Amino acid sequence: MKFLILLVASFYTTITLADGHSAAPVAGEGAFVTLMVKAQDPASYIEMLKKNPAPFEAIGSSVAGACVTKTGADYPGQMFVWNAFDSVEKAMAATDAYDPMTATPQLSAIREVQYNAMFKPLKSFDLAPNSERLWRLDISPGNVAPFVNKMIELETALRDAGHDMNIGVFQPIGGGSHETIHLRAVSPTYGDSGKVIDEAFAGAEWMSIWADAMALVDEVVSDNFEHCQIIYTAS
């Protein structure tokens, strides 16, 4: 039931009701499939993927990329490979087209699969990967839509303050016990991410929006910085 509430809520459009309250926000386009792995050498693994686009082509990926955990890793070599699709239908079909457990011996030798999951964006999200802070959040179903609305408000405020930042909120689909709501704040560089944090500690006006949003969160499960990049784009 919790999953159904969250999934249905994500597809409503943003409207302002007569009493001034907002309904659920516009959901972002498409869906993502992620493969969480432990890599002996993340850089070498990513280079191998860049040189071999066949798996991305076989599953019909629109765009693919990789994210390497830079701070707060649960284990050495923590990273994941992501594939973007035009719809949840295509994302789920991709799970039939590729089984990560049947990889070549060469690939299996340099990475160990942890698990995979799908995600649906709950707001529009500009795909411009680089310095990315990822929070995994437990949020009660009734608070998901208000939280997303606050992130839309915060993204606008940050951009008005001169920050080139994209904020994404993602609902896991079939994430098992591993995944919760993902909140992702993306900047062009780590320095840009740091500037936002400096302003937060200095009491920037937009921090009141952040405080309102975090009041809707039951628990911050994890908080990491990642470096993400695009490694494949369909021709």
Protein backbone atom coordinates (compact mmCIF):
# COMPACT_ATOMS: atom_id res chain seq x y z
CA MET A 1 0.00 0.00 0.00
CA LYS A 2 2.85 2.41 0.85
CA PHE A 3 4.41 1.78 -2.56
CA LEU A 4 1.11 2.31 -4.37
CA ILE A 5 0.46 5.60 -2.60
CA LEU A 6 3.90 6.91 -3.51
CA LEU A 7 3.73 5.72 -7.09
CA VAL A 8 0.30 7.17 -7.76
CA ALA A 9 1.17 10.47 -6.06
CA SER A 10 4.16 10.95 -8.32
CA PHE A 11 2.05 11.22 -11.48
CA TYR A 12 -0.21 14.14 -10.54
CA THR A 13 0.44 17.62 -11.89
CA THR A 14 1.21 20.61 -9.68
CA ILE A 15 -1.83 22.79 -9.14
CA THR A 16 -2.72 25.40 -6.55
CA LEU A 17 -6.03 24.61 -4.93
CA ALA A 18 -8.63 27.22 -3.98
CA ASP A 19 -7.51 27.19 -0.36
CA GLY A 20 -3.90 27.88 -1.39
CA HIS A 21 -2.52 24.40 -0.74
CA SER A 22 -0.51 22.62 -3.42
CA ALA A 23 -1.25 19.19 -4.79
CA ALA A 24 1.51 16.77 -5.78
CA PRO A 25 4.19 18.12 -8.14
CA VAL A 26 4.84 17.31 -11.77
CA ALA A 27 6.71 14.02 -12.04
CA GLY A 28 9.91 13.98 -14.04
CA GLU A 29 10.13 12.17 -17.33
CA GLY A 30 11.16 8.55 -17.72
CA ALA A 31 12.88 6.32 -15.20
CA PHE A 32 16.33 5.13 -14.16
CA VAL A 33 17.75 1.67 -13.62
CA THR A 34 20.76 1.48 -11.30
CA LEU A 35 23.30 -1.27 -10.73
CA MET A 36 25.16 -0.90 -7.44
CA VAL A 37 28.61 -2.45 -7.55
CA LYS A 38 31.88 -2.78 -5.66
CA ALA A 39 34.70 -2.05 -8.11
CA GLN A 40 38.36 -2.86 -7.57
CA ASP A 41 39.30 0.17 -9.68
CA PRO A 42 36.29 2.39 -10.44
CA ALA A 43 38.15 4.50 -13.00
CA SER A 44 39.26 1.44 -15.00
CA TYR A 45 35.80 -0.08 -14.79
CA ILE A 46 34.21 3.10 -16.14
CA GLU A 47 36.72 3.28 -18.98
CA MET A 48 35.88 -0.30 -19.90
CA LEU A 49 32.19 0.59 -20.01
CA LYS A 50 32.85 3.61 -22.21
CA LYS A 51 34.68 1.42 -24.72
CA ASN A 52 31.93 -1.19 -24.83
CA PRO A 53 28.53 0.45 -25.48
CA ALA A 54 26.92 -2.81 -26.66
CA PRO A 55 25.15 -3.55 -23.33
CA PHE A 56 23.61 -0.06 -23.26
CA GLU A 57 22.45 -0.45 -26.84
CA ALA A 58 21.02 -3.90 -26.16
CA ILE A 59 18.76 -2.71 -23.35
CA GLY A 60 17.64 0.44 -25.18
CA SER A 61 19.18 2.95 -22.80
CA SER A 62 18.70 6.60 -23.77
CA VAL A 63 21.60 7.79 -21.62
CA ALA A 64 23.88 5.92 -19.25
CA GLY A 65 26.38 7.02 -16.66
CA ALA A 66 28.29 6.14 -13.53
CA CYS A 67 28.51 7.59 -10.03
CA VAL A 68 31.45 6.91 -7.68
CA THR A 69 31.01 7.55 -3.95
CA LYS A 70 33.60 10.09 -2.80
CA THR A 71 32.66 10.60 0.87
CA GLY A 72 31.00 8.34 3.41
CA ALA A 73 31.37 5.15 1.37
CA ASP A 74 30.08 1.96 2.98
CA TYR A 75 32.91 -0.01 1.34
CA PRO A 76 35.94 0.66 -0.90
CA GLY A 77 35.03 0.97 -4.57
CA GLN A 78 31.39 1.89 -3.90
CA MET A 79 29.73 3.09 -7.11
CA PHE A 80 26.82 2.46 -9.41
CA VAL A 81 26.03 2.45 -13.11
CA TRP A 82 22.75 4.06 -14.18
CA ASN A 83 20.66 3.85 -17.32
CA ALA A 84 17.97 6.40 -18.21
CA PHE A 85 14.83 5.37 -20.12
CA ASP A 86 11.90 7.26 -21.62
CA SER A 87 9.36 5.41 -19.46
CA VAL A 88 9.01 3.00 -16.57
CA GLU A 89 7.81 0.44 -19.14
CA LYS A 90 11.14 0.60 -20.99
CA ALA A 91 13.12 0.60 -17.76
CA MET A 92 11.39 -2.55 -16.55
CA ALA A 93 11.74 -4.23 -19.94
CA ALA A 94 15.50 -3.65 -19.70
CA THR A 95 15.65 -5.96 -16.68
CA ASP A 96 14.63 -8.81 -19.01
CA ALA A 97 17.19 -7.81 -21.62
CA TYR A 98 20.25 -7.87 -19.36
CA ASP A 99 21.20 -9.95 -16.34
CA PRO A 100 24.20 -8.38 -14.52
CA MET A 101 24.90 -11.70 -12.82
CA THR A 102 25.84 -13.29 -16.17
CA ALA A 103 28.63 -10.85 -17.03
CA THR A 104 31.80 -11.85 -18.85
CA PRO A 105 34.70 -13.20 -16.76
CA GLN A 106 36.64 -10.02 -17.57
CA LEU A 107 33.87 -7.84 -16.15
CA SER A 108 33.23 -10.07 -13.15
CA ALA A 109 36.92 -9.88 -12.27
CA ILE A 110 36.87 -6.12 -11.72
CA ARG A 111 33.48 -5.56 -10.07
CA GLU A 112 31.12 -7.29 -7.70
CA VAL A 113 27.39 -6.67 -8.09
CA GLN A 114 25.63 -5.61 -4.89
CA TYR A 115 22.04 -5.09 -6.10
CA ASN A 116 19.99 -3.22 -8.68
CA ALA A 117 16.93 -0.96 -8.45
CA MET A 118 14.70 1.34 -10.47
CA PHE A 119 13.84 4.95 -9.73
CA LYS A 120 11.11 7.31 -10.88
CA PRO A 121 11.85 11.08 -10.76
CA LEU A 122 9.20 12.88 -8.71
CA LYS A 123 10.05 16.29 -10.18
CA SER A 124 11.63 17.60 -13.35
CA PHE A 125 15.40 17.13 -13.26
CA ASP A 126 18.11 18.51 -15.54
CA LEU A 127 20.60 15.72 -16.23
CA ALA A 128 23.97 17.48 -15.86
CA PRO A 129 26.06 15.16 -13.65
CA ASN A 130 29.21 16.13 -11.75
CA SER A 131 29.44 16.98 -8.04
CA GLU A 132 26.44 15.34 -6.42
CA ARG A 133 25.32 15.14 -2.82
CA LEU A 134 22.97 12.22 -2.22
CA TRP A 135 20.72 11.83 0.78
CA ARG A 136 18.68 8.68 1.33
CA LEU A 137 15.57 9.71 3.25
CA ASP A 138 12.73 7.98 5.00
CA ILE A 139 9.59 10.04 4.40
CA SER A 140 6.03 9.09 5.33
CA PRO A 141 3.83 8.62 2.23
CA GLY A 142 1.66 11.63 3.03
CA ASN A 143 4.71 13.89 3.27
CA VAL A 144 6.32 12.93 -0.04
CA ALA A 145 4.40 15.38 -2.24
CA PRO A 146 4.85 18.34 0.17
CA PHE A 147 8.55 17.50 0.39
CA VAL A 148 8.91 17.51 -3.39
CA ASN A 149 7.13 20.86 -3.58
CA LYS A 150 9.61 22.26 -1.07
CA MET A 151 12.51 20.99 -3.19
CA ILE A 152 11.03 22.73 -6.24
CA GLU A 153 10.84 25.92 -4.19
CA LEU A 154 14.39 25.46 -2.89
CA GLU A 155 15.83 24.83 -6.35
CA THR A 156 14.28 28.08 -7.60
CA ALA A 157 15.62 30.00 -4.60
CA LEU A 158 19.13 28.60 -5.05
CA ARG A 159 19.16 29.49 -8.73
CA ASP A 160 17.87 32.98 -7.94
CA ALA A 161 20.78 33.28 -5.50
CA GLY A 162 23.20 32.56 -8.35
CA HIS A 163 23.82 28.84 -7.87
CA ASP A 164 23.81 26.53 -10.88
CA MET A 165 22.19 23.67 -9.00
CA ASN A 166 19.82 20.90 -10.03
CA ILE A 167 17.79 19.11 -7.36
CA GLY A 168 16.25 15.72 -7.96
CA VAL A 169 13.88 13.61 -5.86
CA PHE A 170 13.57 9.96 -6.85
CA GLN A 171 11.15 7.22 -5.77
CA PRO A 172 12.63 3.70 -5.70
CA ILE A 173 10.71 0.99 -7.52
CA GLY A 174 11.68 -2.53 -6.56
CA GLY A 175 14.50 -1.29 -4.33
CA GLY A 176 14.00 -3.99 -1.72
CA SER A 177 15.21 -3.09 1.76
CA HIS A 178 18.15 -1.15 0.34
CA GLU A 179 16.56 1.98 -1.03
CA THR A 180 14.49 4.89 0.21
CA ILE A 181 13.62 8.26 -1.32
CA HIS A 182 16.72 9.77 -2.96
CA LEU A 183 17.39 13.50 -2.72
CA ARG A 184 20.16 14.59 -5.07
CA ALA A 185 21.73 18.08 -5.25
CA VAL A 186 23.95 18.53 -8.30
CA SER A 187 26.52 21.28 -8.95
CA PRO A 188 29.01 21.76 -11.81
CA THR A 189 32.01 21.34 -9.46
CA TYR A 190 32.80 20.35 -5.88
CA GLY A 191 33.79 23.95 -5.25
CA ASP A 192 30.31 25.05 -6.30
CA SER A 193 28.82 22.49 -3.90
CA GLY A 194 31.03 23.84 -1.14
CA LYS A 195 29.93 27.42 -1.82
CA VAL A 196 26.30 26.41 -1.30
CA ILE A 197 27.23 24.74 2.01
CA ASP A 198 29.19 27.83 3.13
CA GLU A 199 26.11 29.98 2.51
CA ALA A 200 23.92 27.48 4.36
CA PHE A 201 26.11 27.72 7.47
CA ALA A 202 26.11 31.50 7.12
CA GLY A 203 22.31 31.52 7.39
CA ALA A 204 21.21 32.09 3.80
CA GLU A 205 17.54 33.03 3.44
CA TRP A 206 16.78 29.89 1.45
CA MET A 207 17.72 27.77 4.48
CA SER A 208 14.23 28.37 5.85
CA ILE A 209 12.89 26.36 2.89
CA TRP A 210 15.36 23.57 3.67
CA ALA A 211 14.24 23.57 7.31
CA ASP A 212 10.59 23.28 6.29
CA ALA A 213 11.45 20.39 3.97
CA MET A 214 13.50 18.51 6.57
CA ALA A 215 10.63 18.80 9.03
CA LEU A 216 8.79 16.43 6.69
CA VAL A 217 11.58 13.81 6.85
CA ASP A 218 11.41 10.95 9.36
CA GLU A 219 15.06 9.93 9.07
CA VAL A 220 18.22 10.74 7.10
CA VAL A 221 19.42 7.22 6.31
CA SER A 222 22.67 8.24 4.62
CA ASP A 223 24.50 11.30 3.28
CA ASN A 224 27.23 10.98 0.64
CA PHE A 225 29.04 12.95 -2.00
CA GLU A 226 29.45 11.29 -5.39
CA HIS A 227 31.15 12.13 -8.66
CA CYS A 228 28.87 11.31 -11.58
CA GLN A 229 29.36 11.37 -15.34
CA ILE A 230 27.63 10.38 -18.57
CA ILE A 231 29.35 7.47 -20.29
CA TYR A 232 26.88 6.66 -23.10
CA THR A 233 24.29 8.52 -25.15
CA ALA A 234 22.10 6.78 -27.72
CA SER A 235 22.80 7.97 -31.26
